[in-house]
Full PDB file with SEQRES, HELIX, SHEET, SSBOND, CRYST1, ORIGX, SCALE, CONECT and MASTER records, all heavy atoms in Angstrom:
SEQRES   1 A   34  LYS THR TYR GLU ALA LEU LEU SER SER LEU ALA THR SER          
SEQRES   2 A   34  LEU ASP ARG ILE ALA THR PRO ARG VAL PRO PRO PRO THR          
SEQRES   3 A   34  ALA ALA GLU GLN SER ALA ARG LEU                              
HELIX    1 AA1 THR A    2  ARG A   16  1                                  15    
HELIX    2 AA2 ALA A   27  ARG A   33  1                                   7    
CRYST1    1.000    1.000    1.000  90.00  90.00  90.00 P 1           1          
ORIGX1      1.000000  0.000000  0.000000        0.00000                         
ORIGX2      0.000000  1.000000  0.000000        0.00000                         
ORIGX3      0.000000  0.000000  1.000000        0.00000                         
SCALE1      1.000000  0.000000  0.000000        0.00000                         
SCALE2      0.000000  1.000000  0.000000        0.00000                         
SCALE3      0.000000  0.000000  1.000000        0.00000                         
ATOM      1  N   LYS A   1       2.690  24.107  -3.248  1.00  0.00           N  
ATOM      2  CA  LYS A   1       3.017  23.229  -4.382  1.00  0.00           C  
ATOM      3  C   LYS A   1       4.246  22.389  -4.079  1.00  0.00           C  
ATOM      4  O   LYS A   1       4.272  21.177  -4.343  1.00  0.00           O  
ATOM      5  CB  LYS A   1       3.230  24.067  -5.640  1.00  0.00           C  
ATOM      6  CG  LYS A   1       3.482  23.239  -6.891  1.00  0.00           C  
ATOM      7  CD  LYS A   1       3.623  24.133  -8.110  1.00  0.00           C  
ATOM      8  CE  LYS A   1       3.890  23.299  -9.363  1.00  0.00           C  
ATOM      9  NZ  LYS A   1       4.040  24.179 -10.566  1.00  0.00           N  
ATOM     10  N   THR A   2       5.264  23.005  -3.509  1.00  0.00           N  
ATOM     11  CA  THR A   2       6.484  22.273  -3.155  1.00  0.00           C  
ATOM     12  C   THR A   2       6.206  21.251  -2.067  1.00  0.00           C  
ATOM     13  O   THR A   2       6.709  20.123  -2.101  1.00  0.00           O  
ATOM     14  CB  THR A   2       7.570  23.262  -2.685  1.00  0.00           C  
ATOM     15  OG1 THR A   2       7.814  24.211  -3.720  1.00  0.00           O  
ATOM     16  CG2 THR A   2       8.864  22.540  -2.357  1.00  0.00           C  
ATOM     17  N   TYR A   3       5.391  21.642  -1.087  1.00  0.00           N  
ATOM     18  CA  TYR A   3       5.030  20.748   0.012  1.00  0.00           C  
ATOM     19  C   TYR A   3       4.339  19.499  -0.530  1.00  0.00           C  
ATOM     20  O   TYR A   3       4.694  18.362  -0.187  1.00  0.00           O  
ATOM     21  CB  TYR A   3       4.108  21.501   0.969  1.00  0.00           C  
ATOM     22  CG  TYR A   3       4.163  21.057   2.417  1.00  0.00           C  
ATOM     23  CD1 TYR A   3       4.731  21.866   3.383  1.00  0.00           C  
ATOM     24  CD2 TYR A   3       3.624  19.841   2.809  1.00  0.00           C  
ATOM     25  CE1 TYR A   3       4.770  21.472   4.718  1.00  0.00           C  
ATOM     26  CE2 TYR A   3       3.662  19.442   4.125  1.00  0.00           C  
ATOM     27  CZ  TYR A   3       4.232  20.263   5.080  1.00  0.00           C  
ATOM     28  OH  TYR A   3       4.273  19.870   6.391  1.00  0.00           O  
ATOM     29  N   GLU A   4       3.339  19.705  -1.389  1.00  0.00           N  
ATOM     30  CA  GLU A   4       2.585  18.579  -1.938  1.00  0.00           C  
ATOM     31  C   GLU A   4       3.472  17.689  -2.804  1.00  0.00           C  
ATOM     32  O   GLU A   4       3.330  16.457  -2.802  1.00  0.00           O  
ATOM     33  CB  GLU A   4       1.398  19.096  -2.748  1.00  0.00           C  
ATOM     34  CG  GLU A   4       0.306  19.740  -1.916  1.00  0.00           C  
ATOM     35  CD  GLU A   4      -0.355  18.757  -0.960  1.00  0.00           C  
ATOM     36  OE1 GLU A   4      -0.353  17.546  -1.253  1.00  0.00           O  
ATOM     37  OE2 GLU A   4      -0.879  19.208   0.071  1.00  0.00           O  
ATOM     38  N   ALA A   5       4.373  18.306  -3.557  1.00  0.00           N  
ATOM     39  CA  ALA A   5       5.270  17.528  -4.412  1.00  0.00           C  
ATOM     40  C   ALA A   5       6.175  16.628  -3.581  1.00  0.00           C  
ATOM     41  O   ALA A   5       6.422  15.466  -3.938  1.00  0.00           O  
ATOM     42  CB  ALA A   5       6.106  18.471  -5.280  1.00  0.00           C  
ATOM     43  N   LEU A   6       6.672  17.136  -2.464  1.00  0.00           N  
ATOM     44  CA  LEU A   6       7.533  16.338  -1.592  1.00  0.00           C  
ATOM     45  C   LEU A   6       6.741  15.186  -0.971  1.00  0.00           C  
ATOM     46  O   LEU A   6       7.224  14.045  -0.918  1.00  0.00           O  
ATOM     47  CB  LEU A   6       8.130  17.224  -0.500  1.00  0.00           C  
ATOM     48  CG  LEU A   6       9.037  16.525   0.522  1.00  0.00           C  
ATOM     49  CD1 LEU A   6      10.220  15.858  -0.163  1.00  0.00           C  
ATOM     50  CD2 LEU A   6       9.524  17.518   1.576  1.00  0.00           C  
ATOM     51  N   LEU A   7       5.527  15.474  -0.500  1.00  0.00           N  
ATOM     52  CA  LEU A   7       4.672  14.425   0.066  1.00  0.00           C  
ATOM     53  C   LEU A   7       4.441  13.305  -0.946  1.00  0.00           C  
ATOM     54  O   LEU A   7       4.609  12.115  -0.640  1.00  0.00           O  
ATOM     55  CB  LEU A   7       3.319  15.019   0.460  1.00  0.00           C  
ATOM     56  CG  LEU A   7       3.176  15.621   1.851  1.00  0.00           C  
ATOM     57  CD1 LEU A   7       1.855  16.377   1.952  1.00  0.00           C  
ATOM     58  CD2 LEU A   7       3.218  14.541   2.915  1.00  0.00           C  
ATOM     59  N   SER A   8       4.048  13.675  -2.140  1.00  0.00           N  
ATOM     60  CA  SER A   8       3.736  12.692  -3.173  1.00  0.00           C  
ATOM     61  C   SER A   8       4.957  11.881  -3.552  1.00  0.00           C  
ATOM     62  O   SER A   8       4.888  10.652  -3.689  1.00  0.00           O  
ATOM     63  CB  SER A   8       3.176  13.411  -4.406  1.00  0.00           C  
ATOM     64  OG  SER A   8       2.932  12.496  -5.446  1.00  0.00           O  
ATOM     65  N   SER A   9       6.093  12.556  -3.695  1.00  0.00           N  
ATOM     66  CA  SER A   9       7.310  11.865  -4.121  1.00  0.00           C  
ATOM     67  C   SER A   9       7.795  10.877  -3.062  1.00  0.00           C  
ATOM     68  O   SER A   9       8.159   9.744  -3.375  1.00  0.00           O  
ATOM     69  CB  SER A   9       8.404  12.888  -4.426  1.00  0.00           C  
ATOM     70  OG  SER A   9       9.589  12.249  -4.830  1.00  0.00           O  
ATOM     71  N   LEU A  10       7.769  11.286  -1.789  1.00  0.00           N  
ATOM     72  CA  LEU A  10       8.203  10.392  -0.718  1.00  0.00           C  
ATOM     73  C   LEU A  10       7.282   9.171  -0.611  1.00  0.00           C  
ATOM     74  O   LEU A  10       7.745   8.038  -0.480  1.00  0.00           O  
ATOM     75  CB  LEU A  10       8.227  11.130   0.619  1.00  0.00           C  
ATOM     76  CG  LEU A  10       9.457  11.983   0.936  1.00  0.00           C  
ATOM     77  CD1 LEU A  10       9.281  12.684   2.273  1.00  0.00           C  
ATOM     78  CD2 LEU A  10      10.723  11.140   0.951  1.00  0.00           C  
ATOM     79  N   ALA A  11       5.957   9.408  -0.673  1.00  0.00           N  
ATOM     80  CA  ALA A  11       5.012   8.295  -0.572  1.00  0.00           C  
ATOM     81  C   ALA A  11       5.189   7.326  -1.737  1.00  0.00           C  
ATOM     82  O   ALA A  11       5.178   6.096  -1.545  1.00  0.00           O  
ATOM     83  CB  ALA A  11       3.583   8.827  -0.534  1.00  0.00           C  
ATOM     84  N   THR A  12       5.370   7.862  -2.939  1.00  0.00           N  
ATOM     85  CA  THR A  12       5.559   7.008  -4.117  1.00  0.00           C  
ATOM     86  C   THR A  12       6.815   6.162  -3.976  1.00  0.00           C  
ATOM     87  O   THR A  12       6.821   4.961  -4.284  1.00  0.00           O  
ATOM     88  CB  THR A  12       5.628   7.862  -5.388  1.00  0.00           C  
ATOM     89  OG1 THR A  12       4.401   8.573  -5.536  1.00  0.00           O  
ATOM     90  CG2 THR A  12       5.857   6.994  -6.625  1.00  0.00           C  
ATOM     91  N   SER A  13       7.902   6.778  -3.508  1.00  0.00           N  
ATOM     92  CA  SER A  13       9.164   6.049  -3.339  1.00  0.00           C  
ATOM     93  C   SER A  13       9.028   4.949  -2.290  1.00  0.00           C  
ATOM     94  O   SER A  13       9.509   3.829  -2.481  1.00  0.00           O  
ATOM     95  CB  SER A  13      10.278   7.014  -2.946  1.00  0.00           C  
ATOM     96  OG  SER A  13      10.521   7.957  -3.972  1.00  0.00           O  
ATOM     97  N   LEU A  14       8.350   5.264  -1.179  1.00  0.00           N  
ATOM     98  CA  LEU A  14       8.183   4.269  -0.112  1.00  0.00           C  
ATOM     99  C   LEU A  14       7.253   3.133  -0.550  1.00  0.00           C  
ATOM    100  O   LEU A  14       7.466   1.981  -0.184  1.00  0.00           O  
ATOM    101  CB  LEU A  14       7.642   4.950   1.142  1.00  0.00           C  
ATOM    102  CG  LEU A  14       8.654   5.828   1.881  1.00  0.00           C  
ATOM    103  CD1 LEU A  14       7.960   6.791   2.833  1.00  0.00           C  
ATOM    104  CD2 LEU A  14       9.671   4.981   2.631  1.00  0.00           C  
ATOM    105  N   ASP A  15       6.246   3.454  -1.343  1.00  0.00           N  
ATOM    106  CA  ASP A  15       5.349   2.410  -1.833  1.00  0.00           C  
ATOM    107  C   ASP A  15       6.053   1.514  -2.857  1.00  0.00           C  
ATOM    108  O   ASP A  15       5.766   0.318  -2.957  1.00  0.00           O  
ATOM    109  CB  ASP A  15       4.104   3.028  -2.462  1.00  0.00           C  
ATOM    110  CG  ASP A  15       3.186   3.668  -1.432  1.00  0.00           C  
ATOM    111  OD1 ASP A  15       3.378   3.393  -0.229  1.00  0.00           O  
ATOM    112  OD2 ASP A  15       2.296   4.439  -1.832  1.00  0.00           O  
ATOM    113  N   ARG A  16       6.970   2.083  -3.603  1.00  0.00           N  
ATOM    114  CA  ARG A  16       7.662   1.326  -4.645  1.00  0.00           C  
ATOM    115  C   ARG A  16       8.532   0.225  -4.055  1.00  0.00           C  
ATOM    116  O   ARG A  16       8.729  -0.822  -4.663  1.00  0.00           O  
ATOM    117  CB  ARG A  16       8.509   2.273  -5.491  1.00  0.00           C  
ATOM    118  CG  ARG A  16       9.090   1.640  -6.749  1.00  0.00           C  
ATOM    119  CD  ARG A  16       9.731   2.673  -7.644  1.00  0.00           C  
ATOM    120  NE  ARG A  16      10.767   3.433  -6.978  1.00  0.00           N  
ATOM    121  CZ  ARG A  16      10.725   4.741  -6.762  1.00  0.00           C  
ATOM    122  NH1 ARG A  16       9.671   5.440  -7.164  1.00  0.00           N  
ATOM    123  NH2 ARG A  16      11.710   5.370  -6.141  1.00  0.00           N  
ATOM    124  N   ILE A  17       9.036   0.436  -2.851  1.00  0.00           N  
ATOM    125  CA  ILE A  17       9.924  -0.567  -2.257  1.00  0.00           C  
ATOM    126  C   ILE A  17       9.168  -1.552  -1.384  1.00  0.00           C  
ATOM    127  O   ILE A  17       9.758  -2.450  -0.791  1.00  0.00           O  
ATOM    128  CB  ILE A  17      11.030   0.107  -1.412  1.00  0.00           C  
ATOM    129  CG1 ILE A  17      10.426   0.872  -0.224  1.00  0.00           C  
ATOM    130  CG2 ILE A  17      11.884   1.022  -2.266  1.00  0.00           C  
ATOM    131  CD1 ILE A  17      11.460   1.441   0.729  1.00  0.00           C  
ATOM    132  N   ALA A  18       7.828  -1.383  -1.296  1.00  0.00           N  
ATOM    133  CA  ALA A  18       7.039  -2.290  -0.462  1.00  0.00           C  
ATOM    134  C   ALA A  18       6.991  -3.675  -1.105  1.00  0.00           C  
ATOM    135  O   ALA A  18       6.875  -3.816  -2.311  1.00  0.00           O  
ATOM    136  CB  ALA A  18       5.624  -1.757  -0.300  1.00  0.00           C  
ATOM    137  N   THR A  19       7.095  -4.691  -0.284  1.00  0.00           N  
ATOM    138  CA  THR A  19       7.032  -6.071  -0.762  1.00  0.00           C  
ATOM    139  C   THR A  19       5.992  -6.823   0.064  1.00  0.00           C  
ATOM    140  O   THR A  19       6.184  -7.055   1.255  1.00  0.00           O  
ATOM    141  CB  THR A  19       8.401  -6.766  -0.629  1.00  0.00           C  
ATOM    142  OG1 THR A  19       8.865  -6.624   0.731  1.00  0.00           O  
ATOM    143  CG2 THR A  19       9.415  -6.146  -1.565  1.00  0.00           C  
ATOM    144  N   PRO A  20       4.854  -7.220  -0.558  1.00  0.00           N  
ATOM    145  CA  PRO A  20       3.836  -7.969   0.189  1.00  0.00           C  
ATOM    146  C   PRO A  20       4.413  -9.258   0.766  1.00  0.00           C  
ATOM    147  O   PRO A  20       5.126  -9.987   0.091  1.00  0.00           O  
ATOM    148  CB  PRO A  20       2.773  -8.270  -0.879  1.00  0.00           C  
ATOM    149  CG  PRO A  20       2.998  -7.238  -1.935  1.00  0.00           C  
ATOM    150  CD  PRO A  20       4.469  -6.969  -1.936  1.00  0.00           C  
ATOM    151  N   ARG A  21       4.091  -9.511   2.025  1.00  0.00           N  
ATOM    152  CA  ARG A  21       4.635 -10.700   2.690  1.00  0.00           C  
ATOM    153  C   ARG A  21       3.645 -11.850   2.729  1.00  0.00           C  
ATOM    154  O   ARG A  21       3.993 -12.949   3.120  1.00  0.00           O  
ATOM    155  CB  ARG A  21       5.074 -10.337   4.111  1.00  0.00           C  
ATOM    156  CG  ARG A  21       6.277  -9.411   4.146  1.00  0.00           C  
ATOM    157  CD  ARG A  21       6.668  -9.116   5.581  1.00  0.00           C  
ATOM    158  NE  ARG A  21       5.709  -8.213   6.213  1.00  0.00           N  
ATOM    159  CZ  ARG A  21       5.735  -7.895   7.509  1.00  0.00           C  
ATOM    160  NH1 ARG A  21       6.641  -8.438   8.295  1.00  0.00           N  
ATOM    161  NH2 ARG A  21       4.848  -7.060   8.006  1.00  0.00           N  
ATOM    162  N   VAL A  22       2.406 -11.603   2.349  1.00  0.00           N  
ATOM    163  CA  VAL A  22       1.398 -12.652   2.345  1.00  0.00           C  
ATOM    164  C   VAL A  22       0.583 -12.530   1.066  1.00  0.00           C  
ATOM    165  O   VAL A  22       0.461 -11.446   0.496  1.00  0.00           O  
ATOM    166  CB  VAL A  22       0.467 -12.537   3.577  1.00  0.00           C  
ATOM    167  CG1 VAL A  22       1.205 -12.882   4.847  1.00  0.00           C  
ATOM    168  CG2 VAL A  22      -0.125 -11.133   3.679  1.00  0.00           C  
ATOM    169  N   PRO A  23       0.012 -13.624   0.571  1.00  0.00           N  
ATOM    170  CA  PRO A  23      -0.790 -13.563  -0.653  1.00  0.00           C  
ATOM    171  C   PRO A  23      -2.114 -12.850  -0.413  1.00  0.00           C  
ATOM    172  O   PRO A  23      -2.561 -12.724   0.732  1.00  0.00           O  
ATOM    173  CB  PRO A  23      -1.001 -15.041  -0.991  1.00  0.00           C  
ATOM    174  CG  PRO A  23      -0.894 -15.747   0.322  1.00  0.00           C  
ATOM    175  CD  PRO A  23       0.137 -14.996   1.107  1.00  0.00           C  
ATOM    176  N   PRO A  24      -2.767 -12.381  -1.476  1.00  0.00           N  
ATOM    177  CA  PRO A  24      -4.080 -11.740  -1.310  1.00  0.00           C  
ATOM    178  C   PRO A  24      -5.070 -12.709  -0.664  1.00  0.00           C  
ATOM    179  O   PRO A  24      -5.045 -13.911  -0.928  1.00  0.00           O  
ATOM    180  CB  PRO A  24      -4.497 -11.414  -2.751  1.00  0.00           C  
ATOM    181  CG  PRO A  24      -3.228 -11.390  -3.526  1.00  0.00           C  
ATOM    182  CD  PRO A  24      -2.319 -12.394  -2.875  1.00  0.00           C  
ATOM    183  N   PRO A  25      -5.947 -12.212   0.204  1.00  0.00           N  
ATOM    184  CA  PRO A  25      -6.903 -13.099   0.869  1.00  0.00           C  
ATOM    185  C   PRO A  25      -7.959 -13.617  -0.112  1.00  0.00           C  
ATOM    186  O   PRO A  25      -8.349 -12.923  -1.051  1.00  0.00           O  
ATOM    187  CB  PRO A  25      -7.540 -12.212   1.935  1.00  0.00           C  
ATOM    188  CG  PRO A  25      -7.380 -10.819   1.408  1.00  0.00           C  
ATOM    189  CD  PRO A  25      -6.097 -10.809   0.637  1.00  0.00           C  
ATOM    190  N   THR A  26      -8.422 -14.814   0.106  1.00  0.00           N  
ATOM    191  CA  THR A  26      -9.519 -15.360  -0.678  1.00  0.00           C  
ATOM    192  C   THR A  26     -10.817 -14.677  -0.282  1.00  0.00           C  
ATOM    193  O   THR A  26     -10.889 -13.971   0.740  1.00  0.00           O  
ATOM    194  CB  THR A  26      -9.643 -16.869  -0.437  1.00  0.00           C  
ATOM    195  OG1 THR A  26     -10.020 -17.079   0.940  1.00  0.00           O  
ATOM    196  CG2 THR A  26      -8.340 -17.593  -0.728  1.00  0.00           C  
ATOM    197  N   ALA A  27     -11.866 -14.891  -1.068  1.00  0.00           N  
ATOM    198  CA  ALA A  27     -13.166 -14.307  -0.751  1.00  0.00           C  
ATOM    199  C   ALA A  27     -13.664 -14.778   0.614  1.00  0.00           C  
ATOM    200  O   ALA A  27     -14.234 -14.006   1.391  1.00  0.00           O  
ATOM    201  CB  ALA A  27     -14.180 -14.662  -1.840  1.00  0.00           C  
ATOM    202  N   ALA A  28     -13.436 -16.059   0.906  1.00  0.00           N  
ATOM    203  CA  ALA A  28     -13.856 -16.590   2.205  1.00  0.00           C  
ATOM    204  C   ALA A  28     -13.072 -15.938   3.337  1.00  0.00           C  
ATOM    205  O   ALA A  28     -13.632 -15.631   4.403  1.00  0.00           O  
ATOM    206  CB  ALA A  28     -13.676 -18.100   2.235  1.00  0.00           C  
ATOM    207  N   GLU A  29     -11.789 -15.706   3.125  1.00  0.00           N  
ATOM    208  CA  GLU A  29     -10.971 -15.049   4.153  1.00  0.00           C  
ATOM    209  C   GLU A  29     -11.400 -13.604   4.353  1.00  0.00           C  
ATOM    210  O   GLU A  29     -11.420 -13.099   5.485  1.00  0.00           O  
ATOM    211  CB  GLU A  29      -9.497 -15.126   3.758  1.00  0.00           C  
ATOM    212  CG  GLU A  29      -8.899 -16.524   3.878  1.00  0.00           C  
ATOM    213  CD  GLU A  29      -7.498 -16.598   3.321  1.00  0.00           C  
ATOM    214  OE1 GLU A  29      -7.162 -15.815   2.390  1.00  0.00           O  
ATOM    215  OE2 GLU A  29      -6.715 -17.446   3.802  1.00  0.00           O  
ATOM    216  N   GLN A  30     -11.746 -12.914   3.269  1.00  0.00           N  
ATOM    217  CA  GLN A  30     -12.231 -11.540   3.390  1.00  0.00           C  
ATOM    218  C   GLN A  30     -13.517 -11.483   4.216  1.00  0.00           C  
ATOM    219  O   GLN A  30     -13.678 -10.623   5.087  1.00  0.00           O  
ATOM    220  CB  GLN A  30     -12.475 -10.952   2.007  1.00  0.00           C  
ATOM    221  CG  GLN A  30     -11.229 -10.740   1.169  1.00  0.00           C  
ATOM    222  CD  GLN A  30     -11.550 -10.307  -0.245  1.00  0.00           C  
ATOM    223  OE1 GLN A  30     -12.574  -9.690  -0.510  1.00  0.00           O  
ATOM    224  NE2 GLN A  30     -10.662 -10.625  -1.175  1.00  0.00           N  
ATOM    225  N   SER A  31     -14.419 -12.417   3.956  1.00  0.00           N  
ATOM    226  CA  SER A  31     -15.684 -12.439   4.701  1.00  0.00           C  
ATOM    227  C   SER A  31     -15.449 -12.725   6.179  1.00  0.00           C  
ATOM    228  O   SER A  31     -16.060 -12.096   7.057  1.00  0.00           O  
ATOM    229  CB  SER A  31     -16.617 -13.499   4.101  1.00  0.00           C  
ATOM    230  OG  SER A  31     -16.947 -13.163   2.771  1.00  0.00           O  
ATOM    231  N   ALA A  32     -14.563 -13.669   6.455  1.00  0.00           N  
ATOM    232  CA  ALA A  32     -14.260 -13.992   7.845  1.00  0.00           C  
ATOM    233  C   ALA A  32     -13.622 -12.803   8.556  1.00  0.00           C  
ATOM    234  O   ALA A  32     -13.931 -12.520   9.725  1.00  0.00           O  
ATOM    235  CB  ALA A  32     -13.340 -15.209   7.905  1.00  0.00           C  
ATOM    236  N   ARG A  33     -12.742 -12.086   7.858  1.00  0.00           N  
ATOM    237  CA  ARG A  33     -12.100 -10.913   8.447  1.00  0.00           C  
ATOM    238  C   ARG A  33     -13.119  -9.845   8.771  1.00  0.00           C  
ATOM    239  O   ARG A  33     -13.108  -9.234   9.847  1.00  0.00           O  
ATOM    240  CB  ARG A  33     -11.036 -10.375   7.489  1.00  0.00           C  
ATOM    241  CG  ARG A  33     -10.448  -9.012   7.857  1.00  0.00           C  
ATOM    242  CD  ARG A  33      -9.858  -8.988   9.249  1.00  0.00           C  
ATOM    243  NE  ARG A  33      -8.727  -9.879   9.365  1.00  0.00           N  
ATOM    244  CZ  ARG A  33      -8.271 -10.371  10.512  1.00  0.00           C  
ATOM    245  NH1 ARG A  33      -8.900 -10.068  11.652  1.00  0.00           N  
ATOM    246  NH2 ARG A  33      -7.229 -11.164  10.555  1.00  0.00           N  
ATOM    247  N   LEU A  34     -14.050  -9.598   7.845  1.00  0.00           N  
ATOM    248  CA  LEU A  34     -15.074  -8.585   8.070  1.00  0.00           C  
ATOM    249  C   LEU A  34     -15.962  -8.932   9.255  1.00  0.00           C  
ATOM    250  O   LEU A  34     -16.269  -8.085  10.096  1.00  0.00           O  
ATOM    251  CB  LEU A  34     -15.932  -8.417   6.816  1.00  0.00           C  
ATOM    252  CG  LEU A  34     -15.320  -7.548   5.721  1.00  0.00           C  
ATOM    253  CD1 LEU A  34     -16.134  -7.664   4.448  1.00  0.00           C  
ATOM    254  CD2 LEU A  34     -15.251  -6.096   6.177  1.00  0.00           C  
TER     255      LEU A  34                                                      
MASTER        0    0    0    2    0    0    0    6  254    1    0    3          
END                                                                             
């Protein structure tokens, strides 16, 4: 339980400080990427 709580808390904290550097891809860009 303690292990899982630490994993979840660290991941949540790291995700909270994430800042996207590019805009979401358009549908055409998604298709081209795939």
